[in-house]
């Protein structure tokens, strides 16, 4: 099949102009003669318009495939903000959005889509099925090792290192971790980075690493387990999410542990509740709404411009120091 570049060379125009003409871009101002040259070149070269590129007046349809259940958005606003970013950006761009939760395998909804947004890390069977699809894919909040696909993420390894370095700079030489796992057999990226980097700095021991799921209840239970070790607990704690940290704070309060005097704590996400709990959470802010919007932009841009080179976008994070760490 002919490429946009070949059509552009034949019509002696830019690739961007070819793309916009073939997609009936209503905002494009181009001479009738130039438009005709492009269309004739496309026909002569037997260019086939991909199914994702609709005729004028029709909307693109994206399918958002969430690997988690919708109830997780209630327990963790991080995912709710991500969905809001996806929905808002689709609305801005005039894209019809179909949402599918708890995605684990092929779903009929995919057949109606021009492109797919995969939120989270799919199960191996679902991953294998997705990689066989001819539709453009963008992975969001779940790094894929397949170099063919676009990806939007946050550098969780960098976040873990940033938290450890902060605690070390404040004089803490023993740091614990409470996190969650989607699959008990596989450590989360935050946990992996924490253990690897923390051991290299001689501030992390295996007995100070606890995990459950990503709920506040799990954080509470993990903290109780940590505090049940005859009072031998780390003076600094890295918690994988704010939602988990809320449960941890409850357990610390029940046991009379003063935060941050007896235990300092930093979590991740900076959900709206983080600044209103007591004490207010020191946390790493992740712009999950922006992540959702950027995933939509990548998918739209790949469809519009016929881009074949995959892109990885890492949205930056920032440390927000509040009352669960000592004052500077």
Protein backbone atom coordinates (compact mmCIF):
# COMPACT_ATOMS: atom_id res chain seq x y z
CA UNK A 1 0.00 0.00 0.00
CA UNK A 2 1.24 3.48 -0.83
CA UNK A 3 2.37 5.72 2.00
CA UNK A 4 1.51 9.34 2.69
CA UNK A 5 5.13 10.24 1.90
CA UNK A 6 4.85 8.72 -1.59
CA UNK A 7 1.62 10.60 -2.24
CA UNK A 8 3.22 13.83 -1.00
CA UNK A 9 6.16 13.36 -3.36
CA UNK A 10 3.85 12.68 -6.31
CA UNK A 11 1.69 15.72 -5.57
CA UNK A 12 4.68 17.87 -4.55
CA UNK A 13 3.19 18.86 -1.22
CA UNK A 14 3.98 18.13 2.43
CA UNK A 15 3.03 14.90 4.18
CA UNK A 16 0.97 16.92 6.68
CA UNK A 17 -1.08 18.45 3.86
CA UNK A 18 -1.72 15.01 2.36
CA UNK A 19 -2.84 13.66 5.73
CA UNK A 20 -5.23 16.54 6.34
CA UNK A 21 -6.73 16.37 2.84
CA UNK A 22 -7.29 12.60 2.99
CA UNK A 23 -8.86 13.01 6.43
CA UNK A 24 -11.15 15.82 5.22
CA UNK A 25 -9.80 18.23 7.81
CA UNK A 26 -12.39 21.07 7.84
CA UNK A 27 -9.84 23.56 9.20
CA UNK A 28 -7.46 23.11 6.21
CA UNK A 29 -7.31 25.92 3.69
CA UNK A 30 -5.91 24.57 0.43
CA UNK A 31 -6.42 25.35 -3.25
CA UNK A 32 -8.90 23.18 -5.13
CA UNK A 33 -6.17 22.33 -7.65
CA UNK A 34 -3.83 21.12 -4.89
CA UNK A 35 -6.56 19.02 -3.29
CA UNK A 36 -7.33 17.44 -6.66
CA UNK A 37 -3.63 16.61 -7.26
CA UNK A 38 -3.47 14.84 -3.89
CA UNK A 39 -6.63 12.82 -4.50
CA UNK A 40 -5.50 11.83 -8.00
CA UNK A 41 -2.08 10.77 -6.70
CA UNK A 42 -3.70 8.71 -3.95
CA UNK A 43 -5.94 6.98 -6.47
CA UNK A 44 -3.11 6.39 -8.92
CA UNK A 45 -0.91 4.87 -6.21
CA UNK A 46 -3.87 2.77 -4.98
CA UNK A 47 -3.76 4.28 -1.50
CA UNK A 48 -6.26 2.68 0.85
CA UNK A 49 -7.64 4.82 3.62
CA UNK A 50 -7.37 2.89 6.94
CA UNK A 51 -10.68 1.99 8.54
CA UNK A 52 -9.90 4.31 11.42
CA UNK A 53 -10.01 7.31 9.08
CA UNK A 54 -13.69 8.01 8.67
CA UNK A 55 -15.46 9.90 5.96
CA UNK A 56 -16.29 13.53 6.59
CA UNK A 57 -18.90 14.07 9.26
CA UNK A 58 -18.20 10.82 11.11
CA UNK A 59 -16.50 10.61 14.49
CA UNK A 60 -13.60 8.46 15.50
CA UNK A 61 -14.30 5.89 18.20
CA UNK A 62 -11.76 4.95 20.86
CA UNK A 63 -12.16 2.02 23.26
CA UNK A 64 -10.70 2.48 26.75
CA UNK A 65 -9.92 -0.98 28.13
CA UNK A 66 -9.37 -0.81 31.89
CA UNK A 67 -7.60 -3.83 33.34
CA UNK A 68 -9.09 -3.04 36.77
CA UNK A 69 -12.69 -3.04 37.95
CA UNK A 70 -14.61 0.22 38.25
CA UNK A 71 -14.82 -0.14 42.03
CA UNK A 72 -11.08 0.62 42.21
CA UNK A 73 -11.86 4.21 41.22
CA UNK A 74 -13.87 4.56 44.43
CA UNK A 75 -10.96 3.38 46.57
CA UNK A 76 -8.25 5.25 44.67
CA UNK A 77 -9.02 8.63 43.01
CA UNK A 78 -5.77 8.27 41.04
CA UNK A 79 -7.63 6.04 38.59
CA UNK A 80 -10.71 8.26 38.63
CA UNK A 81 -8.61 11.27 37.62
CA UNK A 82 -7.02 9.23 34.82
CA UNK A 83 -10.43 8.31 33.45
CA UNK A 84 -11.56 11.93 33.72
CA UNK A 85 -8.53 12.99 31.64
CA UNK A 86 -9.38 10.42 28.97
CA UNK A 87 -13.05 11.40 28.83
CA UNK A 88 -12.40 15.14 28.83
CA UNK A 89 -9.83 14.96 26.04
CA UNK A 90 -12.03 12.72 23.90
CA UNK A 91 -14.85 15.22 24.30
CA UNK A 92 -12.55 18.09 23.28
CA UNK A 93 -11.43 16.23 20.17
CA UNK A 94 -14.89 15.04 19.19
CA UNK A 95 -14.06 11.37 19.75
CA UNK A 96 -16.67 8.81 20.77
CA UNK A 97 -15.42 6.83 23.78
CA UNK A 98 -16.37 3.28 24.74
CA UNK A 99 -15.23 2.13 28.18
CA UNK A 100 -14.70 -1.49 29.20
CA UNK A 101 -13.72 -2.42 32.77
CA UNK A 102 -12.02 -5.53 34.11
CA UNK A 103 -10.60 -6.25 30.67
CA UNK A 104 -9.02 -9.68 30.53
CA UNK A 105 -9.71 -11.01 27.05
CA UNK A 106 -11.25 -10.21 23.69
CA UNK A 107 -14.41 -8.12 23.92
CA UNK A 108 -16.95 -7.41 21.14
CA UNK A 109 -16.68 -3.69 21.90
CA UNK A 110 -13.24 -3.60 20.28
CA UNK A 111 -14.71 -4.30 16.85
CA UNK A 112 -16.37 -0.87 16.81
CA UNK A 113 -13.20 1.03 17.73
CA UNK A 114 -10.64 2.85 15.59
CA UNK A 115 -8.00 2.73 18.31
CA UNK A 116 -7.47 1.25 21.77
CA UNK A 117 -6.38 2.76 25.08
CA UNK A 118 -5.12 0.08 27.47
CA UNK A 119 -5.16 1.28 31.08
CA UNK A 120 -3.03 -0.80 33.44
CA UNK A 121 -1.06 -3.98 32.89
CA UNK A 122 -3.11 -6.66 31.05
CA UNK A 123 -2.99 -10.31 31.93
CA UNK A 124 -0.60 -12.30 29.67
CA UNK A 125 -3.46 -13.82 27.64
CA UNK A 126 -5.03 -10.41 27.06
CA UNK A 127 -1.63 -8.92 26.23
CA UNK A 128 -1.03 -11.60 23.62
CA UNK A 129 -4.44 -10.95 22.05
CA UNK A 130 -3.86 -7.18 22.00
CA UNK A 131 -0.51 -7.57 20.27
CA UNK A 132 -2.25 -9.39 17.42
CA UNK A 133 -4.62 -6.49 16.73
CA UNK A 134 -4.07 -4.25 13.73
CA UNK A 135 -5.62 -1.28 15.51
CA UNK A 136 -3.35 1.43 16.96
CA UNK A 137 -2.73 0.85 20.68
CA UNK A 138 -1.61 3.16 23.46
CA UNK A 139 -0.70 1.68 26.83
CA UNK A 140 -1.40 3.90 29.82
CA UNK A 141 -0.04 3.29 33.33
CA UNK A 142 1.34 -0.08 32.29
CA UNK A 143 4.67 -0.12 30.51
CA UNK A 144 4.80 -2.62 27.67
CA UNK A 145 8.00 -4.28 26.49
CA UNK A 146 6.71 -4.43 22.92
CA UNK A 147 8.43 -1.65 20.97
CA UNK A 148 5.58 -1.34 18.48
CA UNK A 149 3.21 0.47 20.80
CA UNK A 150 2.92 3.93 22.30
CA UNK A 151 3.05 4.26 26.06
CA UNK A 152 2.18 6.95 28.64
CA UNK A 153 3.50 6.43 32.13
CA UNK A 154 5.21 7.89 35.16
CA UNK A 155 8.71 6.84 36.17
CA UNK A 156 7.97 4.85 39.32
CA UNK A 157 11.60 3.80 39.61
CA UNK A 158 12.64 7.44 39.74
CA UNK A 159 9.96 8.16 42.35
CA UNK A 160 11.21 5.37 44.62
CA UNK A 161 14.77 6.60 44.34
CA UNK A 162 13.66 10.17 45.02
CA UNK A 163 11.88 9.17 48.25
CA UNK A 164 14.83 7.09 49.48
CA UNK A 165 17.27 9.91 48.74
CA UNK A 166 15.07 12.36 50.64
CA UNK A 167 14.90 10.14 53.72
CA UNK A 168 18.67 9.58 53.64
CA UNK A 169 19.21 13.33 53.39
CA UNK A 170 17.16 13.69 56.59
CA UNK A 171 19.34 11.16 58.41
CA UNK A 172 17.15 8.02 58.19
CA UNK A 173 19.20 4.87 57.76
CA UNK A 174 16.36 2.34 57.96
CA UNK A 175 13.38 2.74 55.64
CA UNK A 176 10.35 0.48 55.36
CA UNK A 177 7.86 -0.06 52.55
CA UNK A 178 4.12 -0.81 52.43
CA UNK A 179 2.68 -1.36 48.97
CA UNK A 180 0.31 -3.36 46.83
CA UNK A 181 0.43 -5.91 44.06
CA UNK A 182 -2.00 -6.58 41.23
CA UNK A 183 -0.64 -10.13 41.16
CA UNK A 184 0.85 -11.50 44.40
CA UNK A 185 3.56 -13.25 42.39
CA UNK A 186 4.91 -10.05 40.85
CA UNK A 187 6.25 -7.01 42.70
CA UNK A 188 5.02 -3.55 41.74
CA UNK A 189 7.59 -1.26 40.09
CA UNK A 190 7.73 0.93 43.21
CA UNK A 191 8.52 -2.10 45.35
CA UNK A 192 11.15 -3.40 42.91
CA UNK A 193 12.91 -0.05 42.73
CA UNK A 194 12.65 0.50 46.49
CA UNK A 195 14.25 -2.83 47.33
CA UNK A 196 16.97 -2.63 44.67
CA UNK A 197 17.97 0.98 45.30
CA UNK A 198 17.44 0.82 49.05
CA UNK A 199 19.72 -2.18 49.40
CA UNK A 200 22.40 -0.45 47.35
CA UNK A 201 22.23 2.37 49.90
CA UNK A 202 22.14 -0.06 52.86
CA UNK A 203 18.87 1.35 54.21
CA UNK A 204 16.41 -1.45 53.29
CA UNK A 205 15.96 -4.92 54.79
CA UNK A 206 13.61 -7.67 53.62
CA UNK A 207 11.72 -7.74 56.94
CA UNK A 208 10.67 -4.10 56.45
CA UNK A 209 8.83 -4.72 53.15
CA UNK A 210 5.08 -5.40 53.33
CA UNK A 211 2.47 -5.66 50.60
CA UNK A 212 -1.20 -6.47 50.06
CA UNK A 213 -3.49 -4.82 47.52
CA UNK A 214 -3.95 -1.10 46.84
CA UNK A 215 -6.79 -0.38 49.28
CA UNK A 216 -6.80 1.56 52.56
CA UNK A 217 -7.88 -1.61 54.35
CA UNK A 218 -4.81 -3.41 53.03
CA UNK A 219 -2.61 -0.56 54.22
CA UNK A 220 -4.16 -0.83 57.66
CA UNK A 221 -3.56 -4.58 57.84
CA UNK A 222 0.04 -4.29 56.60
CA UNK A 223 0.77 -1.59 59.17
CA UNK A 224 -0.67 -3.75 61.97
CA UNK A 225 1.61 -6.58 60.88
CA UNK A 226 4.59 -4.23 60.86
CA UNK A 227 3.78 -2.87 64.32
CA UNK A 228 3.31 -6.35 65.71
CA UNK A 229 7.04 -7.10 65.55
CA UNK A 230 7.79 -6.30 69.22
CA UNK A 231 8.06 -2.58 68.58
CA UNK A 232 10.87 -3.07 66.08
CA UNK A 233 9.76 -0.98 63.14
CA UNK A 234 11.54 1.42 60.75
CA UNK A 235 11.50 5.15 61.60
CA UNK A 236 10.73 6.07 57.97
CA UNK A 237 8.16 4.54 55.64
CA UNK A 238 7.54 4.72 51.92
CA UNK A 239 3.92 3.87 51.03
CA UNK A 240 2.99 3.01 47.45
CA UNK A 241 -0.21 5.11 47.26
CA UNK A 242 -2.09 7.71 49.26
CA UNK A 243 -5.05 5.36 49.62
CA UNK A 244 -2.83 2.73 51.25
CA UNK A 245 -1.28 5.45 53.43
CA UNK A 246 -4.67 6.45 54.85
CA UNK A 247 -5.04 2.94 56.26
CA UNK A 248 -1.45 3.03 57.54
CA UNK A 249 -2.10 6.31 59.38
CA UNK A 250 -5.10 4.80 61.13
CA UNK A 251 -3.03 1.85 62.39
CA UNK A 252 -0.23 4.16 63.57
CA UNK A 253 -2.74 6.35 65.41
CA UNK A 254 -4.34 3.35 67.12
CA UNK A 255 -0.92 2.23 68.35
CA UNK A 256 0.03 5.68 69.59
CA UNK A 257 2.84 6.11 67.04
CA UNK A 258 3.48 9.82 66.57
CA UNK A 259 3.91 10.93 62.97
CA UNK A 260 6.45 12.19 61.99
CA UNK A 261 8.31 12.17 65.33
CA UNK A 262 8.39 8.38 65.71
CA UNK A 263 7.76 7.48 62.08
CA UNK A 264 8.00 9.69 59.00
CA UNK A 265 5.91 8.76 55.98
CA UNK A 266 5.82 9.58 52.26
CA UNK A 267 3.25 8.15 49.84
CA UNK A 268 2.45 8.54 46.14
CA UNK A 269 -0.27 10.16 43.96
CA UNK A 270 -1.34 13.33 45.88
CA UNK A 271 -5.05 12.61 45.69
CA UNK A 272 -7.32 15.46 46.93
CA UNK A 273 -7.78 13.75 50.31
CA UNK A 274 -4.02 13.71 50.98
CA UNK A 275 -3.89 17.26 52.30
CA UNK A 276 -6.97 16.90 54.51
CA UNK A 277 -6.13 13.75 56.48
CA UNK A 278 -4.38 14.18 59.82
CA UNK A 279 -1.53 14.61 59.66
CA UNK A 280 -1.53 15.84 56.06
CA UNK A 281 0.34 13.43 53.80
CA UNK A 282 3.73 14.14 52.33
CA UNK A 283 3.38 12.58 48.92
CA UNK A 284 4.72 12.45 45.37
CA UNK A 285 2.29 14.18 43.04
CA UNK A 286 1.45 12.23 39.88
CA UNK A 287 -0.57 14.09 37.25
CA UNK A 288 -2.84 11.19 36.34
CA UNK A 289 -5.42 13.39 34.60
CA UNK A 290 -2.69 14.67 32.30
CA UNK A 291 -1.58 11.08 31.67
CA UNK A 292 -5.09 10.21 30.47
CA UNK A 293 -5.28 13.23 28.18
CA UNK A 294 -1.85 12.55 26.68
CA UNK A 295 -2.77 8.95 25.91
CA UNK A 296 -5.74 10.20 23.88
CA UNK A 297 -3.50 12.73 22.10
CA UNK A 298 -0.97 10.04 21.15
CA UNK A 299 -3.69 7.80 19.73
CA UNK A 300 -5.27 10.65 17.78
CA UNK A 301 -1.91 11.79 16.43
CA UNK A 302 -0.93 8.29 15.32
CA UNK A 303 -4.20 7.91 13.41
CA UNK A 304 -4.02 11.40 11.92
CA UNK A 305 -0.39 11.35 10.78
CA UNK A 306 0.17 7.66 10.05
CA UNK A 307 3.07 7.70 12.49
CA UNK A 308 4.77 4.31 12.70
CA UNK A 309 7.54 5.11 15.19
CA UNK A 310 6.29 4.34 18.74
CA UNK A 311 6.59 7.02 21.41
CA UNK A 312 6.94 6.72 25.18
CA UNK A 313 5.74 9.71 27.20
CA UNK A 314 6.73 9.98 30.86
CA UNK A 315 4.75 12.56 32.81
CA UNK A 316 6.91 14.19 35.52
CA UNK A 317 6.22 13.95 39.25
CA UNK A 318 7.02 16.22 42.19
CA UNK A 319 7.50 15.72 45.93
CA UNK A 320 4.93 17.53 48.06
CA UNK A 321 6.17 17.79 51.65
CA UNK A 322 3.50 18.17 54.33
CA UNK A 323 3.03 17.01 57.93
CA UNK A 324 4.04 13.33 57.78
CA UNK A 325 7.67 14.36 57.35
CA UNK A 326 9.75 16.62 59.56
CA UNK A 327 10.00 20.28 58.66
CA UNK A 328 12.94 21.38 56.55
